[in-house]
Amino acid sequence: MDKKANLFLCELYQRMPISESHPYFNLSPDQLYQRYRFLFEFYEDNYGDILPQKKDMRILDIGFGFGMFMAYAKRNGFSNIWGVEYNKAQVDNAAKMGFRAELISDLSAYLKNNLSGFDLIHASNVVEHFPKYDLIEIFDLFYNALKDNGRLAVIVPNIAGWRSIYKRYLVLGHESGFSETSIRQLFQITHFDNIKVFGSRIRFRFRIKHIFMRIAQGIFDIIIGIIDYVYLGVNRPRHLGQCLVGIGVKAGRGCGGICFARNKK
């Protein structure tokens, strides 16, 4: 990873002021679930079929923020959960929640010290913070930090989505935007198998605001889809939501005891 790029990311997020009065701070995993259940529903809708079947498998959450995904994994019975962040306030908050949270200054160094260490690596809204010339190395490091048959799950901004330019420059640390083609290419050239790329799934809710938003989004998608078909043909984007989810598997010898199945509740 480029030294200057990493130093910028490290300094930016170490300096980032995050008040402990933030509504996500100082809450237990159960309290997070009770107050922000829709976030856990998002993870279930998008990740319910990728969590390891065995509850003792090792999960790494990179750039865990307020610990939402770690809390989701814990509610699903997982205990071997690690998290890394550049921001000390978020690390301290995650530690209060009972998670193994580590403050890092260099993601590449951390991953190099944990070769074949994890069954699942989760990186939500992380990859877009690295310059394009670092992306292949970052995905190689993800690959090497996974056990055989381990999985990588990433969420990235969708450059084809509505307000994509706004999302691209939403925070100072964003460097890249992704199409479904470009994020798939990253998985392919770094040797991941069973690659899936899809628009983030959000379940329907019977609320006036949500119904209005879904109707408006549907009309927008139809109009943009027609325009894209006229101008781009088969190369048009298939997903027009705000985010893309990418999933890839590090191929191993058979199942090796590391199989994945949808968690039943």
C-alpha atoms as a PDB file:
ATOM      1  CA  MET A   1       0.000   0.000   0.000  1.00  0.00           C
ATOM      2  CA  ASP A   2       1.291   3.472  -0.865  1.00  0.00           C
ATOM      3  CA  LYS A   3       2.836   4.996   2.269  1.00  0.00           C
ATOM      4  CA  LYS A   4       1.493   8.507   1.639  1.00  0.00           C
ATOM      5  CA  ALA A   5      -2.033   7.241   1.002  1.00  0.00           C
ATOM      6  CA  ASN A   6      -2.011   5.223   4.218  1.00  0.00           C
ATOM      7  CA  LEU A   7      -0.602   8.138   6.242  1.00  0.00           C
ATOM      8  CA  PHE A   8      -3.382  10.369   4.924  1.00  0.00           C
ATOM      9  CA  LEU A   9      -6.087   7.860   5.860  1.00  0.00           C
ATOM     10  CA  CYS A  10      -4.551   7.282   9.255  1.00  0.00           C
ATOM     11  CA  GLU A  11      -4.254  10.979  10.075  1.00  0.00           C
ATOM     12  CA  LEU A  12      -7.697  11.821   8.695  1.00  0.00           C
ATOM     13  CA  TYR A  13      -9.544   9.246  10.795  1.00  0.00           C
ATOM     14  CA  GLN A  14      -7.418   9.697  13.884  1.00  0.00           C
ATOM     15  CA  ARG A  15      -8.276  13.387  13.817  1.00  0.00           C
ATOM     16  CA  MET A  16     -11.933  12.829  12.936  1.00  0.00           C
ATOM     17  CA  PRO A  17     -13.999  14.190  15.838  1.00  0.00           C
ATOM     18  CA  ILE A  18     -16.663  11.740  16.998  1.00  0.00           C
ATOM     19  CA  SER A  19     -18.570  12.839  20.052  1.00  0.00           C
ATOM     20  CA  GLU A  20     -19.510  10.288  22.688  1.00  0.00           C
ATOM     21  CA  SER A  21     -22.956  11.885  22.606  1.00  0.00           C
ATOM     22  CA  HIS A  22     -23.453  10.302  19.170  1.00  0.00           C
ATOM     23  CA  PRO A  23     -26.647   8.188  19.313  1.00  0.00           C
ATOM     24  CA  TYR A  24     -24.752   5.007  18.313  1.00  0.00           C
ATOM     25  CA  PHE A  25     -22.215   5.351  21.145  1.00  0.00           C
ATOM     26  CA  ASN A  26     -22.314   3.712  24.586  1.00  0.00           C
ATOM     27  CA  LEU A  27     -24.881   1.089  23.648  1.00  0.00           C
ATOM     28  CA  SER A  28     -24.690  -2.669  24.096  1.00  0.00           C
ATOM     29  CA  PRO A  29     -25.274  -4.936  21.057  1.00  0.00           C
ATOM     30  CA  ASP A  30     -28.797  -5.646  22.345  1.00  0.00           C
ATOM     31  CA  GLN A  31     -29.535  -1.931  22.766  1.00  0.00           C
ATOM     32  CA  LEU A  32     -28.286  -1.263  19.227  1.00  0.00           C
ATOM     33  CA  TYR A  33     -30.620  -3.949  17.941  1.00  0.00           C
ATOM     34  CA  GLN A  34     -33.611  -2.588  19.841  1.00  0.00           C
ATOM     35  CA  ARG A  35     -33.109   1.000  18.678  1.00  0.00           C
ATOM     36  CA  TYR A  36     -31.809   0.448  15.146  1.00  0.00           C
ATOM     37  CA  ARG A  37     -33.341  -2.830  14.086  1.00  0.00           C
ATOM     38  CA  PHE A  38     -33.536  -1.712  10.448  1.00  0.00           C
ATOM     39  CA  LEU A  39     -29.718  -1.803  10.268  1.00  0.00           C
ATOM     40  CA  PHE A  40     -29.684  -5.403  11.447  1.00  0.00           C
ATOM     41  CA  GLU A  41     -32.390  -6.195   8.895  1.00  0.00           C
ATOM     42  CA  PHE A  42     -30.097  -4.765   6.203  1.00  0.00           C
ATOM     43  CA  TYR A  43     -27.327  -7.160   7.226  1.00  0.00           C
ATOM     44  CA  GLU A  44     -29.720 -10.085   7.335  1.00  0.00           C
ATOM     45  CA  ASP A  45     -31.100  -9.262   3.884  1.00  0.00           C
ATOM     46  CA  ASN A  46     -27.627  -8.925   2.352  1.00  0.00           C
ATOM     47  CA  TYR A  47     -25.416 -11.241   4.419  1.00  0.00           C
ATOM     48  CA  GLY A  48     -27.768 -13.871   5.821  1.00  0.00           C
ATOM     49  CA  ASP A  49     -26.401 -16.496   3.436  1.00  0.00           C
ATOM     50  CA  ILE A  50     -22.679 -15.797   3.859  1.00  0.00           C
ATOM     51  CA  LEU A  51     -22.087 -16.067   7.587  1.00  0.00           C
ATOM     52  CA  PRO A  52     -20.056 -19.162   8.510  1.00  0.00           C
ATOM     53  CA  GLN A  53     -22.146 -22.130   9.575  1.00  0.00           C
ATOM     54  CA  LYS A  54     -19.862 -22.944  12.499  1.00  0.00           C
ATOM     55  CA  LYS A  55     -20.210 -20.419  15.285  1.00  0.00           C
ATOM     56  CA  ASP A  56     -16.561 -20.599  16.395  1.00  0.00           C
ATOM     57  CA  MET A  57     -15.153 -19.354  13.094  1.00  0.00           C
ATOM     58  CA  ARG A  58     -13.103 -16.176  12.973  1.00  0.00           C
ATOM     59  CA  ILE A  59     -14.652 -12.982  11.620  1.00  0.00           C
ATOM     60  CA  LEU A  60     -12.762  -9.749  10.913  1.00  0.00           C
ATOM     61  CA  ASP A  61     -14.661  -6.471  10.512  1.00  0.00           C
ATOM     62  CA  ILE A  62     -12.454  -3.833   8.873  1.00  0.00           C
ATOM     63  CA  GLY A  63     -13.438  -0.225   9.487  1.00  0.00           C
ATOM     64  CA  PHE A  64     -16.190  -1.317  11.863  1.00  0.00           C
ATOM     65  CA  GLY A  65     -17.388   2.220  12.657  1.00  0.00           C
ATOM     66  CA  PHE A  66     -20.010   1.969  15.393  1.00  0.00           C
ATOM     67  CA  GLY A  67     -19.835  -1.834  15.590  1.00  0.00           C
ATOM     68  CA  MET A  68     -23.126  -2.600  13.856  1.00  0.00           C
ATOM     69  CA  PHE A  69     -21.934  -5.623  11.881  1.00  0.00           C
ATOM     70  CA  MET A  70     -20.058  -7.040  14.868  1.00  0.00           C
ATOM     71  CA  ALA A  71     -23.227  -6.672  16.934  1.00  0.00           C
ATOM     72  CA  TYR A  72     -25.190  -8.441  14.178  1.00  0.00           C
ATOM     73  CA  ALA A  73     -22.679 -11.311  14.112  1.00  0.00           C
ATOM     74  CA  LYS A  74     -22.805 -11.600  17.901  1.00  0.00           C
ATOM     75  CA  ARG A  75     -26.612 -11.787  17.844  1.00  0.00           C
ATOM     76  CA  ASN A  76     -26.215 -14.663  15.382  1.00  0.00           C
ATOM     77  CA  GLY A  77     -24.132 -16.607  17.881  1.00  0.00           C
ATOM     78  CA  PHE A  78     -20.576 -15.772  16.827  1.00  0.00           C
ATOM     79  CA  SER A  79     -17.941 -15.030  19.438  1.00  0.00           C
ATOM     80  CA  ASN A  80     -14.614 -14.980  17.549  1.00  0.00           C
ATOM     81  CA  ILE A  81     -15.082 -11.476  16.179  1.00  0.00           C
ATOM     82  CA  TRP A  82     -12.243  -9.035  15.614  1.00  0.00           C
ATOM     83  CA  GLY A  83     -12.481  -5.407  14.518  1.00  0.00           C
ATOM     84  CA  VAL A  84      -9.897  -2.878  13.337  1.00  0.00           C
ATOM     85  CA  GLU A  85     -10.267   0.889  12.976  1.00  0.00           C
ATOM     86  CA  TYR A  86      -8.181   4.038  12.544  1.00  0.00           C
ATOM     87  CA  ASN A  87     -10.294   6.055  14.994  1.00  0.00           C
ATOM     88  CA  LYS A  88      -9.597   5.696  18.730  1.00  0.00           C
ATOM     89  CA  ALA A  89     -13.049   6.819  19.898  1.00  0.00           C
ATOM     90  CA  GLN A  90     -14.676   4.079  17.830  1.00  0.00           C
ATOM     91  CA  VAL A  91     -12.189   1.489  19.086  1.00  0.00           C
ATOM     92  CA  ASP A  92     -12.884   2.483  22.700  1.00  0.00           C
ATOM     93  CA  ASN A  93     -16.631   2.304  22.081  1.00  0.00           C
ATOM     94  CA  ALA A  94     -16.370  -1.176  20.539  1.00  0.00           C
ATOM     95  CA  ALA A  95     -14.275  -2.355  23.477  1.00  0.00           C
ATOM     96  CA  LYS A  96     -17.034  -1.186  25.844  1.00  0.00           C
ATOM     97  CA  MET A  97     -19.445  -3.288  23.783  1.00  0.00           C
ATOM     98  CA  GLY A  98     -17.308  -6.332  24.560  1.00  0.00           C
ATOM     99  CA  PHE A  99     -15.560  -6.749  21.197  1.00  0.00           C
ATOM    100  CA  ARG A 100     -11.895  -7.304  20.381  1.00  0.00           C
ATOM    101  CA  ALA A 101     -11.214  -3.930  18.817  1.00  0.00           C
ATOM    102  CA  GLU A 102      -7.771  -2.819  17.709  1.00  0.00           C
ATOM    103  CA  LEU A 103      -6.555   0.639  16.766  1.00  0.00           C
ATOM    104  CA  ILE A 104      -4.352   0.381  13.678  1.00  0.00           C
ATOM    105  CA  SER A 105      -2.240   2.824  11.728  1.00  0.00           C
ATOM    106  CA  ASP A 106      -1.565   0.587   8.711  1.00  0.00           C
ATOM    107  CA  LEU A 107      -4.144  -1.875   7.378  1.00  0.00           C
ATOM    108  CA  SER A 108      -1.658  -3.648   5.110  1.00  0.00           C
ATOM    109  CA  ALA A 109       0.694  -4.350   8.019  1.00  0.00           C
ATOM    110  CA  TYR A 110      -2.180  -5.760  10.085  1.00  0.00           C
ATOM    111  CA  LEU A 111      -3.309  -8.092   7.293  1.00  0.00           C
ATOM    112  CA  LYS A 112       0.257  -9.256   6.585  1.00  0.00           C
ATOM    113  CA  ASN A 113       0.548 -10.249  10.248  1.00  0.00           C
ATOM    114  CA  ASN A 114      -2.647 -12.324  10.063  1.00  0.00           C
ATOM    115  CA  LEU A 115      -2.091 -14.594   7.069  1.00  0.00           C
ATOM    116  CA  SER A 116      -4.819 -17.227   6.682  1.00  0.00           C
ATOM    117  CA  GLY A 117      -6.295 -15.966   9.919  1.00  0.00           C
ATOM    118  CA  PHE A 118     -10.001 -15.467   9.177  1.00  0.00           C
ATOM    119  CA  ASP A 119     -13.021 -17.325   7.840  1.00  0.00           C
ATOM    120  CA  LEU A 120     -14.888 -14.141   6.918  1.00  0.00           C
ATOM    121  CA  ILE A 121     -13.625 -10.627   6.258  1.00  0.00           C
ATOM    122  CA  HIS A 122     -16.227  -7.869   6.170  1.00  0.00           C
ATOM    123  CA  ALA A 123     -15.378  -4.402   4.830  1.00  0.00           C
ATOM    124  CA  SER A 124     -18.352  -2.068   4.553  1.00  0.00           C
ATOM    125  CA  ASN A 125     -17.670   1.358   3.045  1.00  0.00           C
ATOM    126  CA  VAL A 126     -13.924   0.776   3.301  1.00  0.00           C
ATOM    127  CA  VAL A 127     -12.533  -0.041  -0.139  1.00  0.00           C
ATOM    128  CA  GLU A 128     -13.499   3.330  -1.628  1.00  0.00           C
ATOM    129  CA  HIS A 129     -11.092   5.038   0.790  1.00  0.00           C
ATOM    130  CA  PHE A 130      -8.023   3.664  -0.992  1.00  0.00           C
ATOM    131  CA  PRO A 131      -6.507   5.097  -4.202  1.00  0.00           C
ATOM    132  CA  LYS A 132      -7.109   3.038  -7.321  1.00  0.00           C
ATOM    133  CA  TYR A 133      -3.450   2.057  -7.571  1.00  0.00           C
ATOM    134  CA  ASP A 134      -3.693   0.389  -4.135  1.00  0.00           C
ATOM    135  CA  LEU A 135      -6.818  -1.660  -4.798  1.00  0.00           C
ATOM    136  CA  ILE A 136      -5.182  -4.776  -6.250  1.00  0.00           C
ATOM    137  CA  GLU A 137      -2.768  -4.967  -3.326  1.00  0.00           C
ATOM    138  CA  ILE A 138      -5.594  -4.453  -0.839  1.00  0.00           C
ATOM    139  CA  PHE A 139      -7.622  -7.313  -2.333  1.00  0.00           C
ATOM    140  CA  ASP A 140      -4.511  -9.519  -2.461  1.00  0.00           C
ATOM    141  CA  LEU A 141      -4.068  -8.826   1.254  1.00  0.00           C
ATOM    142  CA  PHE A 142      -7.718  -9.674   1.914  1.00  0.00           C
ATOM    143  CA  TYR A 143      -7.237 -12.939   0.020  1.00  0.00           C
ATOM    144  CA  ASN A 144      -4.075 -13.881   1.922  1.00  0.00           C
ATOM    145  CA  ALA A 145      -5.671 -13.099   5.295  1.00  0.00           C
ATOM    146  CA  LEU A 146      -8.490 -15.579   4.609  1.00  0.00           C
ATOM    147  CA  LYS A 147      -8.415 -19.276   5.346  1.00  0.00           C
ATOM    148  CA  ASP A 148      -9.159 -21.664   2.489  1.00  0.00           C
ATOM    149  CA  ASN A 149     -12.850 -21.392   1.592  1.00  0.00           C
ATOM    150  CA  GLY A 150     -13.093 -18.172   3.593  1.00  0.00           C
ATOM    151  CA  ARG A 151     -15.184 -15.316   2.235  1.00  0.00           C
ATOM    152  CA  LEU A 152     -14.734 -11.622   1.629  1.00  0.00           C
ATOM    153  CA  ALA A 153     -17.789  -9.348   1.734  1.00  0.00           C
ATOM    154  CA  VAL A 154     -17.519  -5.683   0.771  1.00  0.00           C
ATOM    155  CA  ILE A 155     -19.994  -2.841   0.389  1.00  0.00           C
ATOM    156  CA  VAL A 156     -18.984   0.000  -1.931  1.00  0.00           C
ATOM    157  CA  PRO A 157     -20.728   3.097  -3.339  1.00  0.00           C
ATOM    158  CA  ASN A 158     -22.455   2.446  -6.652  1.00  0.00           C
ATOM    159  CA  ILE A 159     -21.313   5.008  -9.220  1.00  0.00           C
ATOM    160  CA  ALA A 160     -24.446   4.266 -11.282  1.00  0.00           C
ATOM    161  CA  GLY A 161     -26.764   5.157  -8.417  1.00  0.00           C
ATOM    162  CA  TRP A 162     -28.786   8.288  -7.870  1.00  0.00           C
ATOM    163  CA  ARG A 163     -26.706  10.973  -6.176  1.00  0.00           C
ATOM    164  CA  SER A 164     -23.587   8.902  -6.913  1.00  0.00           C
ATOM    165  CA  ILE A 165     -21.388  11.984  -7.308  1.00  0.00           C
ATOM    166  CA  TYR A 166     -22.577  13.268  -3.939  1.00  0.00           C
ATOM    167  CA  LYS A 167     -21.791   9.887  -2.350  1.00  0.00           C
ATOM    168  CA  ARG A 168     -18.407   9.825  -4.071  1.00  0.00           C
ATOM    169  CA  TYR A 169     -17.409  13.102  -2.399  1.00  0.00           C
ATOM    170  CA  LEU A 170     -19.484  12.736   0.754  1.00  0.00           C
ATOM    171  CA  VAL A 171     -16.435  12.562   3.012  1.00  0.00           C
ATOM    172  CA  LEU A 172     -12.860  13.671   2.532  1.00  0.00           C
ATOM    173  CA  GLY A 173     -11.508  10.137   2.648  1.00  0.00           C
ATOM    174  CA  HIS A 174     -13.339   8.805  -0.416  1.00  0.00           C
ATOM    175  CA  GLU A 175     -11.052   8.087  -3.370  1.00  0.00           C
ATOM    176  CA  SER A 176     -13.014   5.791  -5.700  1.00  0.00           C
ATOM    177  CA  GLY A 177     -16.455   4.905  -6.929  1.00  0.00           C
ATOM    178  CA  PHE A 178     -17.383   1.506  -8.337  1.00  0.00           C
ATOM    179  CA  SER A 179     -19.572   0.000 -10.995  1.00  0.00           C
ATOM    180  CA  GLU A 180     -20.750  -3.580 -10.815  1.00  0.00           C
ATOM    181  CA  THR A 181     -18.167  -4.352 -13.505  1.00  0.00           C
ATOM    182  CA  SER A 182     -15.197  -2.753 -11.786  1.00  0.00           C
ATOM    183  CA  ILE A 183     -15.818  -4.315  -8.370  1.00  0.00           C
ATOM    184  CA  ARG A 184     -16.254  -7.718 -10.025  1.00  0.00           C
ATOM    185  CA  GLN A 185     -12.949  -7.210 -11.856  1.00  0.00           C
ATOM    186  CA  LEU A 186     -11.200  -6.615  -8.527  1.00  0.00           C
ATOM    187  CA  PHE A 187     -12.441  -9.953  -7.226  1.00  0.00           C
ATOM    188  CA  GLN A 188     -11.546 -11.722 -10.468  1.00  0.00           C
ATOM    189  CA  ILE A 189      -7.975 -10.485 -10.869  1.00  0.00           C
ATOM    190  CA  THR A 190      -7.187 -11.261  -7.241  1.00  0.00           C
ATOM    191  CA  HIS A 191      -8.265 -14.894  -7.729  1.00  0.00           C
ATOM    192  CA  PHE A 192     -11.523 -15.027  -5.785  1.00  0.00           C
ATOM    193  CA  ASP A 193     -14.061 -17.637  -6.850  1.00  0.00           C
ATOM    194  CA  ASN A 194     -17.874 -17.852  -6.689  1.00  0.00           C
ATOM    195  CA  ILE A 195     -18.093 -14.085  -7.083  1.00  0.00           C
ATOM    196  CA  LYS A 196     -21.423 -12.363  -6.530  1.00  0.00           C
ATOM    197  CA  VAL A 197     -22.119  -8.664  -7.118  1.00  0.00           C
ATOM    198  CA  PHE A 198     -25.577  -7.256  -6.465  1.00  0.00           C
ATOM    199  CA  GLY A 199     -27.343  -4.090  -5.504  1.00  0.00           C
ATOM    200  CA  SER A 200     -27.864  -3.760  -1.758  1.00  0.00           C
ATOM    201  CA  ARG A 201     -31.206  -5.241  -0.706  1.00  0.00           C
ATOM    202  CA  ILE A 202     -33.567  -3.270   1.493  1.00  0.00           C
ATOM    203  CA  ARG A 203     -36.711  -4.981   2.687  1.00  0.00           C
ATOM    204  CA  PHE A 204     -40.098  -3.387   2.118  1.00  0.00           C
ATOM    205  CA  ARG A 205     -41.740  -1.614   5.042  1.00  0.00           C
ATOM    206  CA  PHE A 206     -45.358  -0.486   5.317  1.00  0.00           C
ATOM    207  CA  ARG A 207     -44.553   3.114   6.132  1.00  0.00           C
ATOM    208  CA  ILE A 208     -45.698   6.133   4.125  1.00  0.00           C
ATOM    209  CA  LYS A 209     -42.201   7.531   3.666  1.00  0.00           C
ATOM    210  CA  HIS A 210     -40.757   4.171   2.675  1.00  0.00           C
ATOM    211  CA  ILE A 211     -43.584   3.396   0.245  1.00  0.00           C
ATOM    212  CA  PHE A 212     -43.167   6.806  -1.394  1.00  0.00           C
ATOM    213  CA  MET A 213     -39.403   6.332  -1.674  1.00  0.00           C
ATOM    214  CA  ARG A 214     -39.787   2.868  -3.211  1.00  0.00           C
ATOM    215  CA  ILE A 215     -42.283   4.150  -5.796  1.00  0.00           C
ATOM    216  CA  ALA A 216     -40.071   7.131  -6.651  1.00  0.00           C
ATOM    217  CA  GLN A 217     -36.994   4.887  -6.884  1.00  0.00           C
ATOM    218  CA  GLY A 218     -38.885   2.447  -9.125  1.00  0.00           C
ATOM    219  CA  ILE A 219     -39.966   5.192 -11.529  1.00  0.00           C
ATOM    220  CA  PHE A 220     -36.441   6.621 -11.572  1.00  0.00           C
ATOM    221  CA  ASP A 221     -34.918   3.192 -12.267  1.00  0.00           C
ATOM    222  CA  ILE A 222     -37.290   2.589 -15.189  1.00  0.00           C
ATOM    223  CA  ILE A 223     -36.539   5.958 -16.792  1.00  0.00           C
ATOM    224  CA  ILE A 224     -32.765   5.713 -16.309  1.00  0.00           C
ATOM    225  CA  GLY A 225     -32.832   2.066 -17.399  1.00  0.00           C
ATOM    226  CA  ILE A 226     -34.460   3.008 -20.720  1.00  0.00           C
ATOM    227  CA  ILE A 227     -31.961   5.824 -21.293  1.00  0.00           C
ATOM    228  CA  ASP A 228     -29.044   3.539 -20.415  1.00  0.00           C
ATOM    229  CA  TYR A 229     -30.346   0.849 -22.765  1.00  0.00           C
ATOM    230  CA  VAL A 230     -30.531   3.311 -25.652  1.00  0.00           C
ATOM    231  CA  TYR A 231     -27.049   4.707 -25.089  1.00  0.00           C
ATOM    232  CA  LEU A 232     -25.160   1.758 -23.609  1.00  0.00           C
ATOM    233  CA  GLY A 233     -26.990  -1.375 -24.715  1.00  0.00           C
ATOM    234  CA  VAL A 234     -25.653  -4.536 -23.063  1.00  0.00           C
ATOM    235  CA  ASN A 235     -23.035  -2.513 -21.151  1.00  0.00           C
ATOM    236  CA  ARG A 236     -25.682  -0.656 -19.158  1.00  0.00           C
ATOM    237  CA  PRO A 237     -25.640  -0.930 -15.357  1.00  0.00           C
ATOM    238  CA  ARG A 238     -28.106  -3.448 -13.949  1.00  0.00           C
ATOM    239  CA  HIS A 239     -28.120  -2.040 -10.410  1.00  0.00           C
ATOM    240  CA  LEU A 240     -29.009   1.591  -9.728  1.00  0.00           C
ATOM    241  CA  GLY A 241     -29.169   1.706  -5.938  1.00  0.00           C
ATOM    242  CA  GLN A 242     -26.765   3.585  -3.674  1.00  0.00           C
ATOM    243  CA  CYS A 243     -24.506   0.639  -2.831  1.00  0.00           C
ATOM    244  CA  LEU A 244     -23.128  -2.546  -4.326  1.00  0.00           C
ATOM    245  CA  VAL A 245     -22.388  -5.699  -2.376  1.00  0.00           C
ATOM    246  CA  GLY A 246     -19.511  -7.872  -3.550  1.00  0.00           C
ATOM    247  CA  ILE A 247     -18.784 -11.370  -2.237  1.00  0.00           C
ATOM    248  CA  GLY A 248     -15.948 -13.721  -3.151  1.00  0.00           C
ATOM    249  CA  VAL A 249     -14.539 -17.027  -1.884  1.00  0.00           C
ATOM    250  CA  LYS A 250     -10.901 -17.990  -1.416  1.00  0.00           C
ATOM    251  CA  ALA A 251     -10.804 -21.355  -3.124  1.00  0.00           C
ATOM    252  CA  GLY A 252      -9.416 -24.255  -1.114  1.00  0.00           C
ATOM    253  CA  ARG A 253      -9.311 -28.013  -1.322  1.00  0.00           C
ATOM    254  CA  GLY A 254     -12.904 -29.132  -1.185  1.00  0.00           C
ATOM    255  CA  CYS A 255     -14.931 -27.794   1.684  1.00  0.00           C
ATOM    256  CA  GLY A 256     -12.211 -28.353   4.275  1.00  0.00           C
ATOM    257  CA  GLY A 257     -14.822 -28.189   6.992  1.00  0.00           C
ATOM    258  CA  ILE A 258     -15.422 -24.531   6.248  1.00  0.00           C
ATOM    259  CA  CYS A 259     -18.837 -24.510   4.641  1.00  0.00           C
ATOM    260  CA  PHE A 260     -21.341 -21.708   4.528  1.00  0.00           C
ATOM    261  CA  ALA A 261     -25.103 -21.917   4.692  1.00  0.00           C
ATOM    262  CA  ARG A 262     -27.952 -19.591   5.401  1.00  0.00           C
ATOM    263  CA  ASN A 263     -28.511 -19.259   9.124  1.00  0.00           C
ATOM    264  CA  LYS A 264     -31.891 -20.534  10.236  1.00  0.00           C
ATOM    265  CA  LYS A 265     -33.722 -18.757  13.017  1.00  0.00           C
END
